[in-house]
Amino acid sequence: MKIEARSSVDAKYGSETIASCVRENVTRFLADLDGEDVEGLYAMVLAQVERPLIQIAMEKCMYNQSKAAKLLGINRNTLRKKLSNYKIEMPS
């Protein structure tokens, strides 16, 4: 049975959505800066979400890159590049 991933607004874990967790944490991060300027927030948040997402997909698919790429909905070559960028390796 094929299940299509819902949007982040609908993807729930417990009583919180993924989107609400991101919103809460980014809001807290910006408040902790206490008015200091910040650059690169978008890239920082994406990296903070993307790395564990890829790690979880790889673990769930027993490090089969083709299956993990399909699970994530990305091209296998894109996954390989992200694995390299984030230095995610198969466990020994």
PDB file of N, CA and C in Angstrom:
ATOM      1  N   MET A   1       0.846  -1.177   0.000  1.00  0.00           N
ATOM      2  CA  MET A   1       0.000   0.000   0.000  1.00  0.00           C
ATOM      3  C   MET A   1       0.890   1.237   0.000  1.00  0.00           C
ATOM      4  N   LYS A   2       0.599   2.157  -0.893  1.00  0.00           N
ATOM      5  CA  LYS A   2       1.370   3.390  -1.007  1.00  0.00           C
ATOM      6  C   LYS A   2       0.668   4.495  -0.227  1.00  0.00           C
ATOM      7  N   ILE A   3       1.397   5.136   0.665  1.00  0.00           N
ATOM      8  CA  ILE A   3       0.851   6.247   1.436  1.00  0.00           C
ATOM      9  C   ILE A   3       1.626   7.492   1.066  1.00  0.00           C
ATOM     10  N   GLU A   4       0.934   8.515   0.621  1.00  0.00           N
ATOM     11  CA  GLU A   4       1.552   9.796   0.249  1.00  0.00           C
ATOM     12  C   GLU A   4       1.758  10.623   1.515  1.00  0.00           C
ATOM     13  N   ALA A   5       2.968  11.161   1.689  1.00  0.00           N
ATOM     14  CA  ALA A   5       3.236  12.012   2.847  1.00  0.00           C
ATOM     15  C   ALA A   5       2.372  13.259   2.754  1.00  0.00           C
ATOM     16  N   ARG A   6       1.766  13.618   3.866  1.00  0.00           N
ATOM     17  CA  ARG A   6       0.944  14.824   3.897  1.00  0.00           C
ATOM     18  C   ARG A   6       1.830  16.045   4.053  1.00  0.00           C
ATOM     19  N   SER A   7       1.237  17.218   3.868  1.00  0.00           N
ATOM     20  CA  SER A   7       1.995  18.453   4.032  1.00  0.00           C
ATOM     21  C   SER A   7       2.460  18.574   5.474  1.00  0.00           C
ATOM     22  N   SER A   8       3.503  19.382   5.704  1.00  0.00           N
ATOM     23  CA  SER A   8       4.045  19.546   7.046  1.00  0.00           C
ATOM     24  C   SER A   8       3.009  20.104   8.006  1.00  0.00           C
ATOM     25  N   VAL A   9       2.020  20.818   7.479  1.00  0.00           N
ATOM     26  CA  VAL A   9       0.971  21.368   8.341  1.00  0.00           C
ATOM     27  C   VAL A   9       0.114  20.234   8.898  1.00  0.00           C
ATOM     28  N   ASP A  10      -0.076  19.183   8.110  1.00  0.00           N
ATOM     29  CA  ASP A  10      -0.915  18.073   8.537  1.00  0.00           C
ATOM     30  C   ASP A  10      -0.152  16.934   9.192  1.00  0.00           C
ATOM     31  N   ALA A  11       1.168  16.873   8.976  1.00  0.00           N
ATOM     32  CA  ALA A  11       1.948  15.765   9.523  1.00  0.00           C
ATOM     33  C   ALA A  11       2.084  15.933  11.025  1.00  0.00           C
ATOM     34  N   LYS A  12       1.386  15.100  11.774  1.00  0.00           N
ATOM     35  CA  LYS A  12       1.352  15.258  13.222  1.00  0.00           C
ATOM     36  C   LYS A  12       2.182  14.201  13.929  1.00  0.00           C
ATOM     37  N   TYR A  13       2.782  14.607  15.007  1.00  0.00           N
ATOM     38  CA  TYR A  13       3.454  13.691  15.913  1.00  0.00           C
ATOM     39  C   TYR A  13       2.942  14.075  17.284  1.00  0.00           C
ATOM     40  N   GLY A  14       2.162  13.212  17.888  1.00  0.00           N
ATOM     41  CA  GLY A  14       1.515  13.582  19.134  1.00  0.00           C
ATOM     42  C   GLY A  14       0.497  14.661  18.850  1.00  0.00           C
ATOM     43  N   SER A  15       0.494  15.710  19.650  1.00  0.00           N
ATOM     44  CA  SER A  15      -0.476  16.789  19.444  1.00  0.00           C
ATOM     45  C   SER A  15       0.138  17.961  18.692  1.00  0.00           C
ATOM     46  N   GLU A  16       1.441  17.877  18.348  1.00  0.00           N
ATOM     47  CA  GLU A  16       2.116  18.977  17.665  1.00  0.00           C
ATOM     48  C   GLU A  16       2.366  18.626  16.203  1.00  0.00           C
ATOM     49  N   THR A  17       2.334  19.634  15.353  1.00  0.00           N
ATOM     50  CA  THR A  17       2.716  19.420  13.965  1.00  0.00           C
ATOM     51  C   THR A  17       4.205  19.723  13.833  1.00  0.00           C
ATOM     52  N   ILE A  18       4.801  19.218  12.795  1.00  0.00           N
ATOM     53  CA  ILE A  18       6.201  19.516  12.526  1.00  0.00           C
ATOM     54  C   ILE A  18       6.362  21.021  12.354  1.00  0.00           C
ATOM     55  N   ALA A  19       5.419  21.629  11.645  1.00  0.00           N
ATOM     56  CA  ALA A  19       5.478  23.070  11.414  1.00  0.00           C
ATOM     57  C   ALA A  19       5.434  23.850  12.728  1.00  0.00           C
ATOM     58  N   SER A  20       4.607  23.416  13.662  1.00  0.00           N
ATOM     59  CA  SER A  20       4.525  24.145  14.939  1.00  0.00           C
ATOM     60  C   SER A  20       5.813  23.992  15.743  1.00  0.00           C
ATOM     61  N   CYS A  21       6.458  22.833  15.642  1.00  0.00           N
ATOM     62  CA  CYS A  21       7.748  22.638  16.333  1.00  0.00           C
ATOM     63  C   CYS A  21       8.813  23.563  15.749  1.00  0.00           C
ATOM     64  N   VAL A  22       8.846  23.660  14.427  1.00  0.00           N
ATOM     65  CA  VAL A  22       9.821  24.540  13.774  1.00  0.00           C
ATOM     66  C   VAL A  22       9.544  25.982  14.170  1.00  0.00           C
ATOM     67  N   ARG A  23       8.276  26.372  14.101  1.00  0.00           N
ATOM     68  CA  ARG A  23       7.897  27.750  14.440  1.00  0.00           C
ATOM     69  C   ARG A  23       8.312  28.098  15.869  1.00  0.00           C
ATOM     70  N   GLU A  24       8.006  27.217  16.789  1.00  0.00           N
ATOM     71  CA  GLU A  24       8.332  27.459  18.203  1.00  0.00           C
ATOM     72  C   GLU A  24       9.838  27.600  18.413  1.00  0.00           C
ATOM     73  N   ASN A  25      10.606  26.703  17.809  1.00  0.00           N
ATOM     74  CA  ASN A  25      12.051  26.720  18.011  1.00  0.00           C
ATOM     75  C   ASN A  25      12.733  27.891  17.323  1.00  0.00           C
ATOM     76  N   VAL A  26      12.278  28.265  16.127  1.00  0.00           N
ATOM     77  CA  VAL A  26      12.860  29.427  15.442  1.00  0.00           C
ATOM     78  C   VAL A  26      12.513  30.698  16.211  1.00  0.00           C
ATOM     79  N   THR A  27      11.291  30.781  16.691  1.00  0.00           N
ATOM     80  CA  THR A  27      10.887  31.939  17.487  1.00  0.00           C
ATOM     81  C   THR A  27      11.749  32.056  18.745  1.00  0.00           C
ATOM     82  N   ARG A  28      11.980  30.948  19.419  1.00  0.00           N
ATOM     83  CA  ARG A  28      12.815  30.931  20.619  1.00  0.00           C
ATOM     84  C   ARG A  28      14.262  31.316  20.281  1.00  0.00           C
ATOM     85  N   PHE A  29      14.774  30.794  19.170  1.00  0.00           N
ATOM     86  CA  PHE A  29      16.136  31.107  18.736  1.00  0.00           C
ATOM     87  C   PHE A  29      16.291  32.612  18.512  1.00  0.00           C
ATOM     88  N   LEU A  30      15.336  33.205  17.798  1.00  0.00           N
ATOM     89  CA  LEU A  30      15.402  34.640  17.526  1.00  0.00           C
ATOM     90  C   LEU A  30      15.256  35.459  18.799  1.00  0.00           C
ATOM     91  N   ALA A  31      14.421  35.020  19.712  1.00  0.00           N
ATOM     92  CA  ALA A  31      14.271  35.724  20.992  1.00  0.00           C
ATOM     93  C   ALA A  31      15.556  35.660  21.798  1.00  0.00           C
ATOM     94  N   ASP A  32      16.238  34.528  21.759  1.00  0.00           N
ATOM     95  CA  ASP A  32      17.502  34.362  22.495  1.00  0.00           C
ATOM     96  C   ASP A  32      18.597  35.268  21.954  1.00  0.00           C
ATOM     97  N   LEU A  33      18.483  35.669  20.688  1.00  0.00           N
ATOM     98  CA  LEU A  33      19.477  36.573  20.103  1.00  0.00           C
ATOM     99  C   LEU A  33      19.353  37.981  20.671  1.00  0.00           C
ATOM    100  N   ASP A  34      18.212  38.244  21.276  1.00  0.00           N
ATOM    101  CA  ASP A  34      17.977  39.526  21.949  1.00  0.00           C
ATOM    102  C   ASP A  34      18.261  40.725  21.036  1.00  0.00           C
ATOM    103  N   GLY A  35      17.724  40.669  19.809  1.00  0.00           N
ATOM    104  CA  GLY A  35      17.825  41.797  18.899  1.00  0.00           C
ATOM    105  C   GLY A  35      19.084  41.837  18.053  1.00  0.00           C
ATOM    106  N   GLU A  36      20.025  40.923  18.267  1.00  0.00           N
ATOM    107  CA  GLU A  36      21.238  40.905  17.434  1.00  0.00           C
ATOM    108  C   GLU A  36      20.870  40.501  16.013  1.00  0.00           C
ATOM    109  N   ASP A  37      21.615  41.023  15.040  1.00  0.00           N
ATOM    110  CA  ASP A  37      21.382  40.677  13.646  1.00  0.00           C
ATOM    111  C   ASP A  37      21.765  39.221  13.395  1.00  0.00           C
ATOM    112  N   VAL A  38      21.031  38.597  12.497  1.00  0.00           N
ATOM    113  CA  VAL A  38      21.328  37.222  12.099  1.00  0.00           C
ATOM    114  C   VAL A  38      21.231  37.137  10.586  1.00  0.00           C
ATOM    115  N   GLU A  39      22.118  36.363   9.988  1.00  0.00           N
ATOM    116  CA  GLU A  39      22.083  36.118   8.546  1.00  0.00           C
ATOM    117  C   GLU A  39      22.074  34.618   8.304  1.00  0.00           C
ATOM    118  N   GLY A  40      21.447  34.221   7.243  1.00  0.00           N
ATOM    119  CA  GLY A  40      21.458  32.814   6.858  1.00  0.00           C
ATOM    120  C   GLY A  40      20.501  31.938   7.649  1.00  0.00           C
ATOM    121  N   LEU A  41      19.453  32.525   8.185  1.00  0.00           N
ATOM    122  CA  LEU A  41      18.488  31.771   8.985  1.00  0.00           C
ATOM    123  C   LEU A  41      17.848  30.646   8.178  1.00  0.00           C
ATOM    124  N   TYR A  42      17.485  30.938   6.952  1.00  0.00           N
ATOM    125  CA  TYR A  42      16.842  29.942   6.089  1.00  0.00           C
ATOM    126  C   TYR A  42      17.730  28.706   5.919  1.00  0.00           C
ATOM    127  N   ALA A  43      18.975  28.914   5.538  1.00  0.00           N
ATOM    128  CA  ALA A  43      19.902  27.793   5.329  1.00  0.00           C
ATOM    129  C   ALA A  43      20.148  27.038   6.633  1.00  0.00           C
ATOM    130  N   MET A  44      20.251  27.775   7.742  1.00  0.00           N
ATOM    131  CA  MET A  44      20.491  27.137   9.032  1.00  0.00           C
ATOM    132  C   MET A  44      19.325  26.214   9.410  1.00  0.00           C
ATOM    133  N   VAL A  45      18.102  26.707   9.256  1.00  0.00           N
ATOM    134  CA  VAL A  45      16.933  25.909   9.619  1.00  0.00           C
ATOM    135  C   VAL A  45      16.816  24.694   8.702  1.00  0.00           C
ATOM    136  N   LEU A  46      17.019  24.887   7.407  1.00  0.00           N
ATOM    137  CA  LEU A  46      16.948  23.750   6.488  1.00  0.00           C
ATOM    138  C   LEU A  46      17.961  22.673   6.855  1.00  0.00           C
ATOM    139  N   ALA A  47      19.168  23.074   7.156  1.00  0.00           N
ATOM    140  CA  ALA A  47      20.203  22.106   7.527  1.00  0.00           C
ATOM    141  C   ALA A  47      19.842  21.378   8.822  1.00  0.00           C
ATOM    142  N   GLN A  48      19.270  22.112   9.775  1.00  0.00           N
ATOM    143  CA  GLN A  48      18.893  21.509  11.054  1.00  0.00           C
ATOM    144  C   GLN A  48      17.768  20.495  10.900  1.00  0.00           C
ATOM    145  N   VAL A  49      16.911  20.684   9.910  1.00  0.00           N
ATOM    146  CA  VAL A  49      15.802  19.764   9.670  1.00  0.00           C
ATOM    147  C   VAL A  49      16.223  18.658   8.703  1.00  0.00           C
ATOM    148  N   GLU A  50      16.958  19.025   7.668  1.00  0.00           N
ATOM    149  CA  GLU A  50      17.282  18.090   6.597  1.00  0.00           C
ATOM    150  C   GLU A  50      18.222  16.968   7.042  1.00  0.00           C
ATOM    151  N   ARG A  51      19.228  17.288   7.812  1.00  0.00           N
ATOM    152  CA  ARG A  51      20.206  16.269   8.222  1.00  0.00           C
ATOM    153  C   ARG A  51      19.552  15.123   9.001  1.00  0.00           C
ATOM    154  N   PRO A  52      18.795  15.420  10.082  1.00  0.00           N
ATOM    155  CA  PRO A  52      18.170  14.296  10.790  1.00  0.00           C
ATOM    156  C   PRO A  52      17.108  13.584   9.956  1.00  0.00           C
ATOM    157  N   LEU A  53      16.437  14.304   9.066  1.00  0.00           N
ATOM    158  CA  LEU A  53      15.452  13.686   8.189  1.00  0.00           C
ATOM    159  C   LEU A  53      16.131  12.646   7.295  1.00  0.00           C
ATOM    160  N   ILE A  54      17.259  12.994   6.731  1.00  0.00           N
ATOM    161  CA  ILE A  54      18.006  12.071   5.876  1.00  0.00           C
ATOM    162  C   ILE A  54      18.532  10.894   6.700  1.00  0.00           C
ATOM    163  N   GLN A  55      19.042  11.178   7.885  1.00  0.00           N
ATOM    164  CA  GLN A  55      19.535  10.101   8.749  1.00  0.00           C
ATOM    165  C   GLN A  55      18.422   9.103   9.080  1.00  0.00           C
ATOM    166  N   ILE A  56      17.252   9.609   9.415  1.00  0.00           N
ATOM    167  CA  ILE A  56      16.120   8.745   9.746  1.00  0.00           C
ATOM    168  C   ILE A  56      15.712   7.908   8.539  1.00  0.00           C
ATOM    169  N   ALA A  57      15.651   8.527   7.368  1.00  0.00           N
ATOM    170  CA  ALA A  57      15.280   7.799   6.149  1.00  0.00           C
ATOM    171  C   ALA A  57      16.299   6.697   5.856  1.00  0.00           C
ATOM    172  N   MET A  58      17.572   7.019   6.003  1.00  0.00           N
ATOM    173  CA  MET A  58      18.613   6.015   5.748  1.00  0.00           C
ATOM    174  C   MET A  58      18.495   4.852   6.732  1.00  0.00           C
ATOM    175  N   GLU A  59      18.273   5.152   7.990  1.00  0.00           N
ATOM    176  CA  GLU A  59      18.127   4.097   9.001  1.00  0.00           C
ATOM    177  C   GLU A  59      16.907   3.227   8.702  1.00  0.00           C
ATOM    178  N   LYS A  60      15.784   3.873   8.393  1.00  0.00           N
ATOM    179  CA  LYS A  60      14.544   3.143   8.116  1.00  0.00           C
ATOM    180  C   LYS A  60      14.707   2.224   6.913  1.00  0.00           C
ATOM    181  N   CYS A  61      15.483   2.665   5.927  1.00  0.00           N
ATOM    182  CA  CYS A  61      15.695   1.888   4.699  1.00  0.00           C
ATOM    183  C   CYS A  61      16.959   1.036   4.775  1.00  0.00           C
ATOM    184  N   MET A  62      17.484   0.852   5.969  1.00  0.00           N
ATOM    185  CA  MET A  62      18.688   0.042   6.197  1.00  0.00           C
ATOM    186  C   MET A  62      19.830   0.455   5.271  1.00  0.00           C
ATOM    187  N   TYR A  63      19.975   1.761   5.099  1.00  0.00           N
ATOM    188  CA  TYR A  63      21.052   2.392   4.329  1.00  0.00           C
ATOM    189  C   TYR A  63      21.029   2.069   2.848  1.00  0.00           C
ATOM    190  N   ASN A  64      19.868   1.659   2.344  1.00  0.00           N
ATOM    191  CA  ASN A  64      19.683   1.476   0.906  1.00  0.00           C
ATOM    192  C   ASN A  64      19.332   2.848   0.328  1.00  0.00           C
ATOM    193  N   GLN A  65      20.244   3.419  -0.436  1.00  0.00           N
ATOM    194  CA  GLN A  65      20.083   4.780  -0.931  1.00  0.00           C
ATOM    195  C   GLN A  65      18.901   4.922  -1.890  1.00  0.00           C
ATOM    196  N   SER A  66      18.656   3.933  -2.709  1.00  0.00           N
ATOM    197  CA  SER A  66      17.535   4.008  -3.647  1.00  0.00           C
ATOM    198  C   SER A  66      16.207   4.052  -2.894  1.00  0.00           C
ATOM    199  N   LYS A  67      16.076   3.200  -1.886  1.00  0.00           N
ATOM    200  CA  LYS A  67      14.846   3.183  -1.092  1.00  0.00           C
ATOM    201  C   LYS A  67      14.691   4.464  -0.279  1.00  0.00           C
ATOM    202  N   ALA A  68      15.787   4.948   0.296  1.00  0.00           N
ATOM    203  CA  ALA A  68      15.730   6.184   1.093  1.00  0.00           C
ATOM    204  C   ALA A  68      15.363   7.370   0.209  1.00  0.00           C
ATOM    205  N   ALA A  69      15.925   7.427  -0.993  1.00  0.00           N
ATOM    206  CA  ALA A  69      15.601   8.517  -1.922  1.00  0.00           C
ATOM    207  C   ALA A  69      14.122   8.474  -2.282  1.00  0.00           C
ATOM    208  N   LYS A  70      13.603   7.289  -2.514  1.00  0.00           N
ATOM    209  CA  LYS A  70      12.184   7.145  -2.833  1.00  0.00           C
ATOM    210  C   LYS A  70      11.328   7.579  -1.649  1.00  0.00           C
ATOM    211  N   LEU A  71      11.697   7.158  -0.459  1.00  0.00           N
ATOM    212  CA  LEU A  71      10.971   7.554   0.754  1.00  0.00           C
ATOM    213  C   LEU A  71      10.943   9.070   0.896  1.00  0.00           C
ATOM    214  N   LEU A  72      12.084   9.719   0.642  1.00  0.00           N
ATOM    215  CA  LEU A  72      12.187  11.170   0.762  1.00  0.00           C
ATOM    216  C   LEU A  72      11.556  11.910  -0.410  1.00  0.00           C
ATOM    217  N   GLY A  73      11.382  11.214  -1.527  1.00  0.00           N
ATOM    218  CA  GLY A  73      10.819  11.854  -2.714  1.00  0.00           C
ATOM    219  C   GLY A  73      11.835  12.698  -3.454  1.00  0.00           C
ATOM    220  N   ILE A  74      13.096  12.261  -3.399  1.00  0.00           N
ATOM    221  CA  ILE A  74      14.160  12.973  -4.104  1.00  0.00           C
ATOM    222  C   ILE A  74      14.929  11.995  -4.985  1.00  0.00           C
ATOM    223  N   ASN A  75      15.690  12.521  -5.907  1.00  0.00           N
ATOM    224  CA  ASN A  75      16.528  11.729  -6.796  1.00  0.00           C
ATOM    225  C   ASN A  75      17.666  11.096  -5.996  1.00  0.00           C
ATOM    226  N   ARG A  76      18.057   9.880  -6.374  1.00  0.00           N
ATOM    227  CA  ARG A  76      19.131   9.189  -5.657  1.00  0.00           C
ATOM    228  C   ARG A  76      20.442   9.970  -5.707  1.00  0.00           C
ATOM    229  N   ASN A  77      20.736  10.604  -6.845  1.00  0.00           N
ATOM    230  CA  ASN A  77      21.964  11.403  -6.944  1.00  0.00           C
ATOM    231  C   ASN A  77      21.912  12.613  -6.012  1.00  0.00           C
ATOM    232  N   THR A  78      20.727  13.191  -5.846  1.00  0.00           N
ATOM    233  CA  THR A  78      20.556  14.300  -4.911  1.00  0.00           C
ATOM    234  C   THR A  78      20.816  13.811  -3.491  1.00  0.00           C
ATOM    235  N   LEU A  79      20.284  12.642  -3.167  1.00  0.00           N
ATOM    236  CA  LEU A  79      20.523  12.062  -1.845  1.00  0.00           C
ATOM    237  C   LEU A  79      22.008  11.824  -1.624  1.00  0.00           C
ATOM    238  N   ARG A  80      22.685  11.279  -2.620  1.00  0.00           N
ATOM    239  CA  ARG A  80      24.120  11.003  -2.488  1.00  0.00           C
ATOM    240  C   ARG A  80      24.896  12.294  -2.203  1.00  0.00           C
ATOM    241  N   LYS A  81      24.520  13.373  -2.884  1.00  0.00           N
ATOM    242  CA  LYS A  81      25.177  14.657  -2.662  1.00  0.00           C
ATOM    243  C   LYS A  81      24.929  15.151  -1.239  1.00  0.00           C
ATOM    244  N   LYS A  82      23.691  15.014  -0.767  1.00  0.00           N
ATOM    245  CA  LYS A  82      23.362  15.460   0.586  1.00  0.00           C
ATOM    246  C   LYS A  82      24.067  14.599   1.634  1.00  0.00           C
ATOM    247  N   LEU A  83      24.177  13.303   1.384  1.00  0.00           N
ATOM    248  CA  LEU A  83      24.919  12.426   2.303  1.00  0.00           C
ATOM    249  C   LEU A  83      26.368  12.879   2.415  1.00  0.00           C
ATOM    250  N   SER A  84      26.937  13.246   1.294  1.00  0.00           N
ATOM    251  CA  SER A  84      28.316  13.729   1.274  1.00  0.00           C
ATOM    252  C   SER A  84      28.434  15.078   1.978  1.00  0.00           C
ATOM    253  N   ASN A  85      27.523  15.999   1.660  1.00  0.00           N
ATOM    254  CA  ASN A  85      27.568  17.336   2.269  1.00  0.00           C
ATOM    255  C   ASN A  85      27.444  17.275   3.785  1.00  0.00           C
ATOM    256  N   TYR A  86      26.548  16.410   4.280  1.00  0.00           N
ATOM    257  CA  TYR A  86      26.324  16.294   5.722  1.00  0.00           C
ATOM    258  C   TYR A  86      27.243  15.269   6.380  1.00  0.00           C
ATOM    259  N   LYS A  87      28.096  14.643   5.574  1.00  0.00           N
ATOM    260  CA  LYS A  87      29.029  13.627   6.078  1.00  0.00           C
ATOM    261  C   LYS A  87      28.314  12.497   6.827  1.00  0.00           C
ATOM    262  N   ILE A  88      27.236  12.032   6.219  1.00  0.00           N
ATOM    263  CA  ILE A  88      26.468  10.906   6.765  1.00  0.00           C
ATOM    264  C   ILE A  88      26.997   9.646   6.113  1.00  0.00           C
ATOM    265  N   GLU A  89      27.486   8.749   6.929  1.00  0.00           N
ATOM    266  CA  GLU A  89      28.079   7.505   6.425  1.00  0.00           C
ATOM    267  C   GLU A  89      27.330   6.298   6.972  1.00  0.00           C
ATOM    268  N   MET A  90      27.478   5.191   6.285  1.00  0.00           N
ATOM    269  CA  MET A  90      26.909   3.937   6.786  1.00  0.00           C
ATOM    270  C   MET A  90      27.643   3.565   8.061  1.00  0.00           C
ATOM    271  N   PRO A  91      26.925   3.012   9.034  1.00  0.00           N
ATOM    272  CA  PRO A  91      27.608   2.605  10.269  1.00  0.00           C
ATOM    273  C   PRO A  91      28.530   1.419   9.976  1.00  0.00           C
ATOM    274  N   SER A  92      29.594   1.319  10.726  1.00  0.00           N
ATOM    275  CA  SER A  92      30.536   0.212  10.490  1.00  0.00           C
ATOM    276  C   SER A  92      30.197  -1.001  11.297  1.00  0.00           C
TER     277      SER A  92
END
